[in-house]
Amino acid sequence: MLTRQPLARRGLLIAGLGAALALLAGPARAQSGFEVQPWPANKAPPLQAGMDANGKPLLLKNLRGQGLVINFWATWCEPCREEMPSLTQLAQSQHGKLRVLAVNFKESEATVNQFAAATGLNIPTLRDPEGALARAWGIRVFPSTVLIGVDGKVHSVVRGALDWRGEVAAPLIAPLLPGAAASAAPKPGLLGQR
């Protein structure tokens, strides 16, 4: 039978090991800025990609022919703000092959315009004033980015911030571009690091 003192030591040892594991996992978790989730094969995507400045729906079927990146964001979301310059650079570097849209979540037109003017945001910015588009796309984390191929099929949703100019983003973008091979598709559930 164990005495009280060895049990206390065992408890401290277990607590110490748990704390050490948490410390080891902490930096890795902090570096994991995003997660890639495949779009369910049997789930039809929403018909809309967003609403234009006049409140008219931008239909997904009208955007075929180029890869499409739909980013859901808000000005109050610091990771969203940090991600925007790389989305802008992605749009510029893939012009004519890939279209990048930024869908703002539940903010006023004035707030969005002020942010765009202050930051030089020059990708098309659509509004989701009631959050209906985010709900339709299953967006619950900001930022989240929907990746759609040339054929209009949704490949995946990236939950969390990502540097879209970096090496980590390249295998996510490649399958969306014209002439992309199906084998270049990202692996389901891919966890990424910044």
N, C-alpha and C. Protein backbone atom coordinates (compact mmCIF):
# COMPACT_ATOMS: atom_id res chain seq x y z
N MET A 1 0.83 -1.18 0.00
CA MET A 1 0.00 0.00 0.00
C MET A 1 0.88 1.24 0.00
N LEU A 2 0.50 2.25 -0.78
CA LEU A 2 1.28 3.47 -0.87
C LEU A 2 0.92 4.41 0.27
N THR A 3 1.92 5.09 0.75
CA THR A 3 1.68 6.08 1.81
C THR A 3 1.31 7.41 1.18
N ARG A 4 0.91 8.31 2.05
CA ARG A 4 0.45 9.62 1.59
C ARG A 4 1.56 10.40 0.90
N GLN A 5 2.76 10.35 1.41
CA GLN A 5 3.85 11.13 0.84
C GLN A 5 4.17 10.69 -0.59
N PRO A 6 4.33 9.38 -0.87
CA PRO A 6 4.57 8.98 -2.25
C PRO A 6 3.42 9.36 -3.19
N LEU A 7 2.19 9.29 -2.73
CA LEU A 7 1.07 9.73 -3.56
C LEU A 7 1.17 11.21 -3.89
N ALA A 8 1.54 11.99 -2.92
CA ALA A 8 1.70 13.42 -3.15
C ALA A 8 2.81 13.67 -4.16
N ARG A 9 3.91 12.92 -4.02
CA ARG A 9 5.02 13.06 -4.99
C ARG A 9 4.58 12.64 -6.38
N ARG A 10 3.83 11.55 -6.44
CA ARG A 10 3.33 11.07 -7.73
C ARG A 10 2.42 12.11 -8.38
N GLY A 11 1.56 12.73 -7.55
CA GLY A 11 0.68 13.78 -8.05
C GLY A 11 1.46 14.97 -8.57
N LEU A 12 2.52 15.36 -7.83
CA LEU A 12 3.37 16.47 -8.27
C LEU A 12 4.09 16.10 -9.57
N LEU A 13 4.56 14.86 -9.65
CA LEU A 13 5.25 14.41 -10.85
C LEU A 13 4.31 14.45 -12.05
N ILE A 14 3.10 13.95 -11.88
CA ILE A 14 2.12 13.97 -12.97
C ILE A 14 1.77 15.40 -13.35
N ALA A 15 1.57 16.25 -12.35
CA ALA A 15 1.27 17.66 -12.63
C ALA A 15 2.43 18.32 -13.35
N GLY A 16 3.65 18.01 -12.92
CA GLY A 16 4.83 18.58 -13.57
C GLY A 16 4.96 18.13 -15.02
N LEU A 17 4.73 16.85 -15.26
CA LEU A 17 4.75 16.35 -16.64
C LEU A 17 3.68 17.00 -17.50
N GLY A 18 2.49 17.16 -16.92
CA GLY A 18 1.41 17.83 -17.65
C GLY A 18 1.76 19.25 -17.99
N ALA A 19 2.36 19.97 -17.04
CA ALA A 19 2.77 21.36 -17.29
C ALA A 19 3.84 21.42 -18.37
N ALA A 20 4.81 20.47 -18.31
CA ALA A 20 5.87 20.45 -19.32
C ALA A 20 5.29 20.19 -20.71
N LEU A 21 4.35 19.25 -20.80
CA LEU A 21 3.72 18.98 -22.09
C LEU A 21 2.93 20.18 -22.58
N ALA A 22 2.27 20.86 -21.69
CA ALA A 22 1.52 22.06 -22.07
C ALA A 22 2.45 23.13 -22.59
N LEU A 23 3.62 23.29 -21.96
CA LEU A 23 4.59 24.27 -22.43
C LEU A 23 5.12 23.89 -23.80
N LEU A 24 5.38 22.59 -23.99
CA LEU A 24 5.85 22.15 -25.30
C LEU A 24 4.79 22.33 -26.37
N ALA A 25 3.55 22.06 -26.04
CA ALA A 25 2.46 22.19 -27.00
C ALA A 25 2.10 23.64 -27.24
N GLY A 26 2.32 24.50 -26.25
CA GLY A 26 1.94 25.90 -26.36
C GLY A 26 2.53 26.60 -27.56
N PRO A 27 3.87 26.60 -27.73
CA PRO A 27 4.44 27.27 -28.89
C PRO A 27 3.96 26.69 -30.21
N ALA A 28 3.79 25.35 -30.28
CA ALA A 28 3.31 24.74 -31.52
C ALA A 28 1.89 25.21 -31.81
N ARG A 29 1.05 25.27 -30.76
CA ARG A 29 -0.32 25.72 -30.95
C ARG A 29 -0.35 27.18 -31.38
N ALA A 30 0.53 28.00 -30.78
CA ALA A 30 0.57 29.42 -31.12
C ALA A 30 1.00 29.61 -32.57
N GLN A 31 1.85 28.71 -33.09
CA GLN A 31 2.30 28.83 -34.46
C GLN A 31 1.28 28.29 -35.45
N SER A 32 0.38 27.44 -35.01
CA SER A 32 -0.65 26.93 -35.89
C SER A 32 -1.70 28.01 -36.05
N GLY A 33 -1.59 28.75 -37.15
CA GLY A 33 -2.49 29.86 -37.35
C GLY A 33 -3.72 29.50 -38.16
N PHE A 34 -3.75 28.30 -38.71
CA PHE A 34 -4.88 27.96 -39.56
C PHE A 34 -5.08 26.45 -39.60
N GLU A 35 -6.25 26.08 -40.10
CA GLU A 35 -6.59 24.68 -40.31
C GLU A 35 -7.36 24.59 -41.62
N VAL A 36 -7.06 23.59 -42.42
CA VAL A 36 -7.74 23.39 -43.70
C VAL A 36 -8.75 22.27 -43.54
N GLN A 37 -10.01 22.56 -43.86
CA GLN A 37 -11.07 21.56 -43.80
C GLN A 37 -11.62 21.36 -45.22
N PRO A 38 -11.68 20.12 -45.68
CA PRO A 38 -12.25 19.88 -47.01
C PRO A 38 -13.74 20.22 -47.01
N TRP A 39 -14.23 20.64 -48.15
CA TRP A 39 -15.66 20.89 -48.30
C TRP A 39 -16.34 19.54 -48.42
N PRO A 40 -17.40 19.29 -47.67
CA PRO A 40 -18.08 17.99 -47.75
C PRO A 40 -18.56 17.68 -49.17
N ALA A 41 -18.26 16.48 -49.63
CA ALA A 41 -18.58 16.09 -51.00
C ALA A 41 -20.06 16.17 -51.32
N ASN A 42 -20.91 15.90 -50.35
CA ASN A 42 -22.35 15.88 -50.61
C ASN A 42 -23.04 17.21 -50.26
N LYS A 43 -22.26 18.22 -49.92
CA LYS A 43 -22.84 19.52 -49.55
C LYS A 43 -22.73 20.50 -50.70
N ALA A 44 -23.86 21.01 -51.14
CA ALA A 44 -23.86 22.01 -52.21
C ALA A 44 -23.42 23.35 -51.63
N PRO A 45 -22.60 24.10 -52.36
CA PRO A 45 -22.20 25.41 -51.86
C PRO A 45 -23.35 26.41 -51.98
N PRO A 46 -23.32 27.46 -51.20
CA PRO A 46 -24.33 28.51 -51.35
C PRO A 46 -24.27 29.08 -52.77
N LEU A 47 -25.35 29.65 -53.21
CA LEU A 47 -25.40 30.22 -54.56
C LEU A 47 -24.62 31.52 -54.66
N GLN A 48 -24.49 32.22 -53.54
CA GLN A 48 -23.85 33.52 -53.54
C GLN A 48 -22.43 33.46 -53.01
N ALA A 49 -21.57 34.32 -53.62
CA ALA A 49 -20.23 34.52 -53.10
C ALA A 49 -20.21 35.74 -52.20
N GLY A 50 -21.18 36.63 -52.37
CA GLY A 50 -21.23 37.87 -51.59
C GLY A 50 -22.26 38.82 -52.16
N MET A 51 -22.30 40.01 -51.56
CA MET A 51 -23.20 41.07 -52.02
C MET A 51 -22.33 42.24 -52.46
N ASP A 52 -22.61 42.79 -53.65
CA ASP A 52 -21.82 43.92 -54.12
C ASP A 52 -22.22 45.21 -53.39
N ALA A 53 -21.57 46.32 -53.76
CA ALA A 53 -21.80 47.60 -53.08
C ALA A 53 -23.24 48.09 -53.23
N ASN A 54 -23.94 47.61 -54.24
CA ASN A 54 -25.34 48.00 -54.46
C ASN A 54 -26.33 47.04 -53.79
N GLY A 55 -25.81 46.06 -53.05
CA GLY A 55 -26.67 45.10 -52.36
C GLY A 55 -27.16 43.98 -53.24
N LYS A 56 -26.59 43.85 -54.43
CA LYS A 56 -26.98 42.78 -55.34
C LYS A 56 -26.08 41.56 -55.11
N PRO A 57 -26.67 40.36 -55.18
CA PRO A 57 -25.87 39.16 -54.95
C PRO A 57 -24.88 38.90 -56.08
N LEU A 58 -23.69 38.49 -55.69
CA LEU A 58 -22.67 38.07 -56.64
C LEU A 58 -22.75 36.55 -56.67
N LEU A 59 -23.28 36.01 -57.77
CA LEU A 59 -23.56 34.58 -57.85
C LEU A 59 -22.31 33.78 -58.19
N LEU A 60 -22.16 32.67 -57.52
CA LEU A 60 -21.01 31.80 -57.71
C LEU A 60 -20.90 31.31 -59.15
N LYS A 61 -22.05 30.97 -59.76
CA LYS A 61 -22.02 30.44 -61.14
C LYS A 61 -21.48 31.47 -62.13
N ASN A 62 -21.60 32.75 -61.81
CA ASN A 62 -21.09 33.80 -62.70
C ASN A 62 -19.61 34.05 -62.53
N LEU A 63 -18.97 33.39 -61.59
CA LEU A 63 -17.56 33.60 -61.31
C LEU A 63 -16.68 32.45 -61.80
N ARG A 64 -17.28 31.49 -62.51
CA ARG A 64 -16.50 30.35 -63.03
C ARG A 64 -15.52 30.84 -64.09
N GLY A 65 -14.46 30.05 -64.25
CA GLY A 65 -13.45 30.38 -65.26
C GLY A 65 -12.14 30.85 -64.63
N GLN A 66 -12.20 31.25 -63.38
CA GLN A 66 -11.02 31.61 -62.61
C GLN A 66 -11.14 30.92 -61.25
N GLY A 67 -10.00 30.66 -60.65
CA GLY A 67 -10.04 30.19 -59.27
C GLY A 67 -10.60 31.31 -58.41
N LEU A 68 -11.17 30.96 -57.28
CA LEU A 68 -11.82 31.95 -56.44
C LEU A 68 -11.42 31.74 -54.98
N VAL A 69 -11.05 32.83 -54.34
CA VAL A 69 -10.71 32.85 -52.92
C VAL A 69 -11.68 33.84 -52.27
N ILE A 70 -12.54 33.34 -51.39
CA ILE A 70 -13.51 34.19 -50.70
C ILE A 70 -13.11 34.25 -49.23
N ASN A 71 -12.66 35.42 -48.80
CA ASN A 71 -12.19 35.60 -47.43
C ASN A 71 -13.24 36.31 -46.60
N PHE A 72 -13.65 35.70 -45.49
CA PHE A 72 -14.60 36.30 -44.55
C PHE A 72 -13.78 36.95 -43.44
N TRP A 73 -14.04 38.24 -43.20
CA TRP A 73 -13.21 39.00 -42.29
C TRP A 73 -14.02 40.11 -41.61
N ALA A 74 -13.39 40.78 -40.64
CA ALA A 74 -13.98 41.95 -39.98
C ALA A 74 -12.84 42.86 -39.52
N THR A 75 -13.11 44.15 -39.43
CA THR A 75 -12.06 45.09 -39.02
C THR A 75 -11.67 44.91 -37.56
N TRP A 76 -12.55 44.36 -36.72
CA TRP A 76 -12.25 44.15 -35.31
C TRP A 76 -11.39 42.91 -35.08
N CYS A 77 -11.18 42.14 -36.11
CA CYS A 77 -10.43 40.88 -36.04
C CYS A 77 -8.96 41.15 -36.42
N GLU A 78 -8.08 41.16 -35.42
CA GLU A 78 -6.67 41.46 -35.68
C GLU A 78 -6.03 40.48 -36.67
N PRO A 79 -6.23 39.16 -36.55
CA PRO A 79 -5.66 38.26 -37.56
C PRO A 79 -6.18 38.57 -38.97
N CYS A 80 -7.44 39.00 -39.07
CA CYS A 80 -7.98 39.39 -40.38
C CYS A 80 -7.21 40.57 -40.94
N ARG A 81 -6.97 41.55 -40.10
CA ARG A 81 -6.26 42.76 -40.52
C ARG A 81 -4.84 42.42 -40.97
N GLU A 82 -4.20 41.52 -40.24
CA GLU A 82 -2.83 41.12 -40.57
C GLU A 82 -2.77 40.33 -41.88
N GLU A 83 -3.82 39.60 -42.18
CA GLU A 83 -3.85 38.73 -43.36
C GLU A 83 -4.12 39.52 -44.65
N MET A 84 -4.80 40.65 -44.55
CA MET A 84 -5.24 41.39 -45.74
C MET A 84 -4.13 41.75 -46.73
N PRO A 85 -2.96 42.25 -46.29
CA PRO A 85 -1.92 42.57 -47.28
C PRO A 85 -1.50 41.35 -48.11
N SER A 86 -1.44 40.17 -47.49
CA SER A 86 -1.03 38.99 -48.27
C SER A 86 -2.13 38.57 -49.24
N LEU A 87 -3.40 38.78 -48.89
CA LEU A 87 -4.49 38.51 -49.83
C LEU A 87 -4.42 39.46 -51.02
N THR A 88 -4.11 40.71 -50.75
CA THR A 88 -3.97 41.70 -51.82
C THR A 88 -2.84 41.30 -52.75
N GLN A 89 -1.71 40.89 -52.18
CA GLN A 89 -0.58 40.48 -53.01
C GLN A 89 -0.89 39.20 -53.79
N LEU A 90 -1.63 38.29 -53.19
CA LEU A 90 -2.05 37.09 -53.90
C LEU A 90 -2.89 37.47 -55.11
N ALA A 91 -3.85 38.36 -54.92
CA ALA A 91 -4.71 38.80 -56.03
C ALA A 91 -3.88 39.43 -57.15
N GLN A 92 -2.89 40.23 -56.78
CA GLN A 92 -2.05 40.88 -57.78
C GLN A 92 -1.17 39.88 -58.52
N SER A 93 -0.59 38.93 -57.78
CA SER A 93 0.33 37.97 -58.41
C SER A 93 -0.39 36.95 -59.29
N GLN A 94 -1.67 36.69 -59.02
CA GLN A 94 -2.42 35.70 -59.79
C GLN A 94 -3.50 36.35 -60.65
N HIS A 95 -3.34 37.64 -60.95
CA HIS A 95 -4.35 38.38 -61.72
C HIS A 95 -4.66 37.65 -63.03
N GLY A 96 -5.95 37.49 -63.32
CA GLY A 96 -6.39 36.81 -64.53
C GLY A 96 -6.58 35.31 -64.35
N LYS A 97 -5.99 34.74 -63.28
CA LYS A 97 -6.12 33.31 -63.01
C LYS A 97 -6.91 33.04 -61.74
N LEU A 98 -6.87 33.99 -60.82
CA LEU A 98 -7.46 33.81 -59.51
C LEU A 98 -8.13 35.12 -59.08
N ARG A 99 -9.34 35.00 -58.58
CA ARG A 99 -10.06 36.17 -58.10
C ARG A 99 -10.17 36.08 -56.58
N VAL A 100 -9.81 37.17 -55.91
CA VAL A 100 -9.86 37.23 -54.46
C VAL A 100 -10.95 38.22 -54.05
N LEU A 101 -11.88 37.75 -53.22
CA LEU A 101 -12.97 38.58 -52.72
C LEU A 101 -12.90 38.61 -51.19
N ALA A 102 -13.11 39.78 -50.62
CA ALA A 102 -13.13 39.93 -49.17
C ALA A 102 -14.56 40.24 -48.74
N VAL A 103 -15.17 39.33 -47.98
CA VAL A 103 -16.55 39.50 -47.51
C VAL A 103 -16.50 39.97 -46.06
N ASN A 104 -16.93 41.21 -45.84
CA ASN A 104 -16.92 41.76 -44.49
C ASN A 104 -18.13 41.30 -43.71
N PHE A 105 -17.89 40.91 -42.46
CA PHE A 105 -18.92 40.35 -41.59
C PHE A 105 -19.54 41.42 -40.70
N LYS A 106 -20.80 41.75 -40.99
CA LYS A 106 -21.66 42.55 -40.12
C LYS A 106 -21.15 43.93 -39.74
N GLU A 107 -20.44 44.61 -40.62
CA GLU A 107 -19.98 45.96 -40.32
C GLU A 107 -20.58 46.94 -41.32
N SER A 108 -20.62 48.18 -40.93
CA SER A 108 -21.22 49.21 -41.79
C SER A 108 -20.33 49.48 -43.00
N GLU A 109 -20.96 50.00 -44.03
CA GLU A 109 -20.22 50.37 -45.23
C GLU A 109 -19.16 51.42 -44.90
N ALA A 110 -19.49 52.36 -44.02
CA ALA A 110 -18.55 53.41 -43.63
C ALA A 110 -17.31 52.81 -42.95
N THR A 111 -17.52 51.84 -42.07
CA THR A 111 -16.40 51.18 -41.38
C THR A 111 -15.50 50.47 -42.37
N VAL A 112 -16.10 49.74 -43.30
CA VAL A 112 -15.34 49.01 -44.32
C VAL A 112 -14.58 49.98 -45.21
N ASN A 113 -15.23 51.03 -45.65
CA ASN A 113 -14.58 52.02 -46.52
C ASN A 113 -13.43 52.72 -45.80
N GLN A 114 -13.63 53.04 -44.53
CA GLN A 114 -12.58 53.70 -43.75
C GLN A 114 -11.37 52.77 -43.61
N PHE A 115 -11.61 51.50 -43.34
CA PHE A 115 -10.52 50.53 -43.24
C PHE A 115 -9.79 50.41 -44.58
N ALA A 116 -10.55 50.30 -45.67
CA ALA A 116 -9.94 50.16 -46.99
C ALA A 116 -9.07 51.38 -47.33
N ALA A 117 -9.56 52.57 -47.01
CA ALA A 117 -8.80 53.79 -47.29
C ALA A 117 -7.54 53.86 -46.44
N ALA A 118 -7.65 53.49 -45.17
CA ALA A 118 -6.51 53.57 -44.26
C ALA A 118 -5.43 52.55 -44.57
N THR A 119 -5.81 51.40 -45.11
CA THR A 119 -4.85 50.32 -45.33
C THR A 119 -4.46 50.12 -46.79
N GLY A 120 -5.14 50.80 -47.70
CA GLY A 120 -4.86 50.60 -49.12
C GLY A 120 -5.44 49.30 -49.65
N LEU A 121 -6.43 48.77 -48.97
CA LEU A 121 -7.08 47.53 -49.42
C LEU A 121 -7.70 47.76 -50.79
N ASN A 122 -7.26 46.98 -51.77
CA ASN A 122 -7.77 47.20 -53.12
C ASN A 122 -8.29 45.93 -53.80
N ILE A 123 -8.69 44.95 -53.00
CA ILE A 123 -9.38 43.79 -53.56
C ILE A 123 -10.88 44.04 -53.39
N PRO A 124 -11.70 43.44 -54.25
CA PRO A 124 -13.14 43.66 -54.11
C PRO A 124 -13.63 43.28 -52.72
N THR A 125 -14.32 44.23 -52.10
CA THR A 125 -14.83 44.02 -50.75
C THR A 125 -16.35 43.98 -50.80
N LEU A 126 -16.88 42.87 -50.37
CA LEU A 126 -18.32 42.65 -50.36
C LEU A 126 -18.80 42.71 -48.92
N ARG A 127 -20.07 42.99 -48.72
CA ARG A 127 -20.60 43.09 -47.37
C ARG A 127 -21.57 41.95 -47.06
N ASP A 128 -21.56 41.56 -45.81
CA ASP A 128 -22.49 40.57 -45.26
C ASP A 128 -23.11 41.21 -44.02
N PRO A 129 -24.01 42.19 -44.21
CA PRO A 129 -24.47 43.02 -43.09
C PRO A 129 -25.23 42.27 -42.01
N GLU A 130 -25.87 41.17 -42.34
CA GLU A 130 -26.64 40.41 -41.35
C GLU A 130 -25.95 39.10 -40.95
N GLY A 131 -24.83 38.78 -41.59
CA GLY A 131 -24.14 37.53 -41.30
C GLY A 131 -24.74 36.33 -41.99
N ALA A 132 -25.69 36.54 -42.90
CA ALA A 132 -26.36 35.42 -43.58
C ALA A 132 -25.41 34.64 -44.48
N LEU A 133 -24.50 35.32 -45.16
CA LEU A 133 -23.56 34.61 -46.04
C LEU A 133 -22.59 33.77 -45.23
N ALA A 134 -22.10 34.34 -44.14
CA ALA A 134 -21.19 33.58 -43.28
C ALA A 134 -21.89 32.32 -42.78
N ARG A 135 -23.13 32.44 -42.36
CA ARG A 135 -23.88 31.26 -41.90
C ARG A 135 -24.06 30.26 -43.03
N ALA A 136 -24.41 30.74 -44.21
CA ALA A 136 -24.63 29.84 -45.36
C ALA A 136 -23.35 29.07 -45.71
N TRP A 137 -22.20 29.72 -45.58
CA TRP A 137 -20.93 29.07 -45.89
C TRP A 137 -20.38 28.28 -44.70
N GLY A 138 -21.04 28.35 -43.55
CA GLY A 138 -20.59 27.63 -42.36
C GLY A 138 -19.42 28.30 -41.67
N ILE A 139 -19.29 29.60 -41.83
CA ILE A 139 -18.17 30.33 -41.25
C ILE A 139 -18.47 30.68 -39.80
N ARG A 140 -17.59 30.24 -38.91
CA ARG A 140 -17.74 30.54 -37.48
C ARG A 140 -16.45 31.11 -36.88
N VAL A 141 -15.36 31.06 -37.64
CA VAL A 141 -14.05 31.53 -37.21
C VAL A 141 -13.61 32.62 -38.17
N PHE A 142 -13.02 33.68 -37.63
CA PHE A 142 -12.53 34.77 -38.48
C PHE A 142 -11.04 34.95 -38.26
N PRO A 143 -10.29 35.06 -39.38
CA PRO A 143 -10.76 34.95 -40.75
C PRO A 143 -10.98 33.50 -41.15
N SER A 144 -11.82 33.31 -42.14
CA SER A 144 -11.99 32.02 -42.81
C SER A 144 -12.02 32.29 -44.30
N THR A 145 -11.43 31.39 -45.06
CA THR A 145 -11.29 31.59 -46.49
C THR A 145 -11.76 30.35 -47.24
N VAL A 146 -12.69 30.55 -48.16
CA VAL A 146 -13.23 29.48 -48.98
C VAL A 146 -12.43 29.42 -50.28
N LEU A 147 -11.97 28.24 -50.66
CA LEU A 147 -11.16 28.04 -51.86
C LEU A 147 -11.97 27.27 -52.89
N ILE A 148 -12.15 27.89 -54.07
CA ILE A 148 -13.01 27.35 -55.12
C ILE A 148 -12.22 27.25 -56.43
N GLY A 149 -12.31 26.12 -57.09
CA GLY A 149 -11.59 25.90 -58.33
C GLY A 149 -12.25 26.57 -59.53
N VAL A 150 -11.56 26.51 -60.65
CA VAL A 150 -12.02 27.09 -61.91
C VAL A 150 -13.39 26.54 -62.31
N ASP A 151 -13.64 25.28 -61.96
CA ASP A 151 -14.89 24.62 -62.33
C ASP A 151 -16.05 24.98 -61.41
N GLY A 152 -15.80 25.82 -60.40
CA GLY A 152 -16.85 26.23 -59.47
C GLY A 152 -17.02 25.30 -58.29
N LYS A 153 -16.20 24.25 -58.19
CA LYS A 153 -16.29 23.32 -57.07
C LYS A 153 -15.49 23.84 -55.89
N VAL A 154 -16.12 23.77 -54.71
CA VAL A 154 -15.44 24.21 -53.49
C VAL A 154 -14.44 23.13 -53.08
N HIS A 155 -13.20 23.53 -52.90
CA HIS A 155 -12.15 22.59 -52.49
C HIS A 155 -12.09 22.47 -50.97
N SER A 156 -12.00 23.62 -50.30
CA SER A 156 -11.81 23.58 -48.86
C SER A 156 -12.08 24.94 -48.25
N VAL A 157 -12.06 24.95 -46.91
CA VAL A 157 -12.19 26.18 -46.14
C VAL A 157 -10.99 26.26 -45.22
N VAL A 158 -10.29 27.38 -45.28
CA VAL A 158 -9.16 27.62 -44.39
C VAL A 158 -9.68 28.44 -43.22
N ARG A 159 -9.57 27.88 -42.03
CA ARG A 159 -10.03 28.57 -40.82
C ARG A 159 -8.82 29.13 -40.10
N GLY A 160 -8.79 30.45 -39.95
CA GLY A 160 -7.66 31.12 -39.30
C GLY A 160 -6.82 31.86 -40.32
N ALA A 161 -5.87 32.63 -39.82
CA ALA A 161 -5.04 33.48 -40.67
C ALA A 161 -3.91 32.69 -41.33
N LEU A 162 -3.55 33.14 -42.52
CA LEU A 162 -2.50 32.51 -43.31
C LEU A 162 -1.79 33.58 -44.11
N ASP A 163 -0.48 33.45 -44.27
CA ASP A 163 0.25 34.33 -45.17
C ASP A 163 0.10 33.74 -46.57
N TRP A 164 -0.75 34.36 -47.38
CA TRP A 164 -1.10 33.83 -48.69
C TRP A 164 0.02 33.97 -49.70
N ARG A 165 1.12 34.65 -49.35
CA ARG A 165 2.28 34.77 -50.24
C ARG A 165 3.27 33.66 -50.01
N GLY A 166 3.16 32.94 -48.90
CA GLY A 166 4.18 32.00 -48.48
C GLY A 166 4.09 30.62 -49.10
N GLU A 167 5.09 29.82 -48.74
CA GLU A 167 5.20 28.44 -49.23
C GLU A 167 4.04 27.57 -48.76
N VAL A 168 3.52 27.86 -47.58
CA VAL A 168 2.44 27.06 -47.02
C VAL A 168 1.16 27.23 -47.85
N ALA A 169 0.94 28.42 -48.39
CA ALA A 169 -0.28 28.69 -49.16
C ALA A 169 -0.21 28.13 -50.58
N ALA A 170 0.97 27.98 -51.13
CA ALA A 170 1.12 27.56 -52.53
C ALA A 170 0.36 26.27 -52.86
N PRO A 171 0.46 25.20 -52.03
CA PRO A 171 -0.28 23.99 -52.38
C PRO A 171 -1.80 24.12 -52.20
N LEU A 172 -2.24 25.15 -51.50
CA LEU A 172 -3.68 25.40 -51.37
C LEU A 172 -4.20 26.14 -52.59
N ILE A 173 -3.38 27.00 -53.15
CA ILE A 173 -3.77 27.83 -54.30
C ILE A 173 -3.63 27.08 -55.62
N ALA A 174 -2.59 26.29 -55.77
CA ALA A 174 -2.30 25.61 -57.05
C ALA A 174 -3.49 24.85 -57.63
N PRO A 175 -4.25 24.08 -56.83
CA PRO A 175 -5.37 23.33 -57.41
C PRO A 175 -6.52 24.22 -57.89
N LEU A 176 -6.52 25.48 -57.52
CA LEU A 176 -7.61 26.38 -57.92
C LEU A 176 -7.37 27.00 -59.28
N LEU A 177 -6.15 26.98 -59.75
CA LEU A 177 -5.76 27.69 -60.96
C LEU A 177 -6.10 26.90 -62.22
N PRO A 178 -6.28 27.60 -63.34
CA PRO A 178 -6.56 26.90 -64.61
C PRO A 178 -5.47 25.88 -64.92
N GLY A 179 -5.89 24.68 -65.35
CA GLY A 179 -4.96 23.62 -65.72
C GLY A 179 -4.37 22.87 -64.54
N ALA A 180 -4.90 23.09 -63.36
CA ALA A 180 -4.36 22.42 -62.17
C ALA A 180 -4.68 20.93 -62.20
N ALA A 181 -3.76 20.14 -61.72
CA ALA A 181 -3.97 18.69 -61.64
C ALA A 181 -4.74 18.38 -60.37
N ALA A 182 -5.61 17.42 -60.44
CA ALA A 182 -6.41 17.01 -59.27
C ALA A 182 -5.50 16.49 -58.15
N SER A 183 -4.33 15.96 -58.52
CA SER A 183 -3.43 15.42 -57.50
C SER A 183 -2.81 16.50 -56.64
N ALA A 184 -2.90 17.76 -57.06
CA ALA A 184 -2.32 18.85 -56.29
C ALA A 184 -3.24 19.32 -55.17
N ALA A 185 -4.40 18.68 -55.04
CA ALA A 185 -5.35 19.11 -54.01
C ALA A 185 -4.78 18.91 -52.61
N PRO A 186 -5.10 19.86 -51.69
CA PRO A 186 -4.58 19.72 -50.33
C PRO A 186 -5.18 18.53 -49.61
N LYS A 187 -4.46 18.00 -48.66
CA LYS A 187 -4.93 16.86 -47.88
C LYS A 187 -5.95 17.34 -46.87
N PRO A 188 -7.04 16.60 -46.68
CA PRO A 188 -8.07 16.98 -45.72
C PRO A 188 -7.50 17.11 -44.31
N GLY A 189 -8.00 18.12 -43.62
CA GLY A 189 -7.63 18.31 -42.23
C GLY A 189 -6.23 18.83 -42.01
N LEU A 190 -5.55 19.29 -43.06
CA LEU A 190 -4.20 19.80 -42.96
C LEU A 190 -4.13 20.90 -41.92
N LEU A 191 -3.21 20.77 -41.00
CA LEU A 191 -2.97 21.84 -40.03
C LEU A 191 -1.77 22.61 -40.52
N GLY A 192 -1.83 23.91 -40.44
CA GLY A 192 -0.73 24.72 -40.92
C GLY A 192 -0.04 25.49 -39.82
N GLN A 193 1.15 25.93 -40.14
CA GLN A 193 1.90 26.77 -39.23
C GLN A 193 2.28 28.05 -39.94
N ARG A 194 2.38 29.09 -39.15
CA ARG A 194 2.82 30.36 -39.72
C ARG A 194 4.31 30.42 -39.77
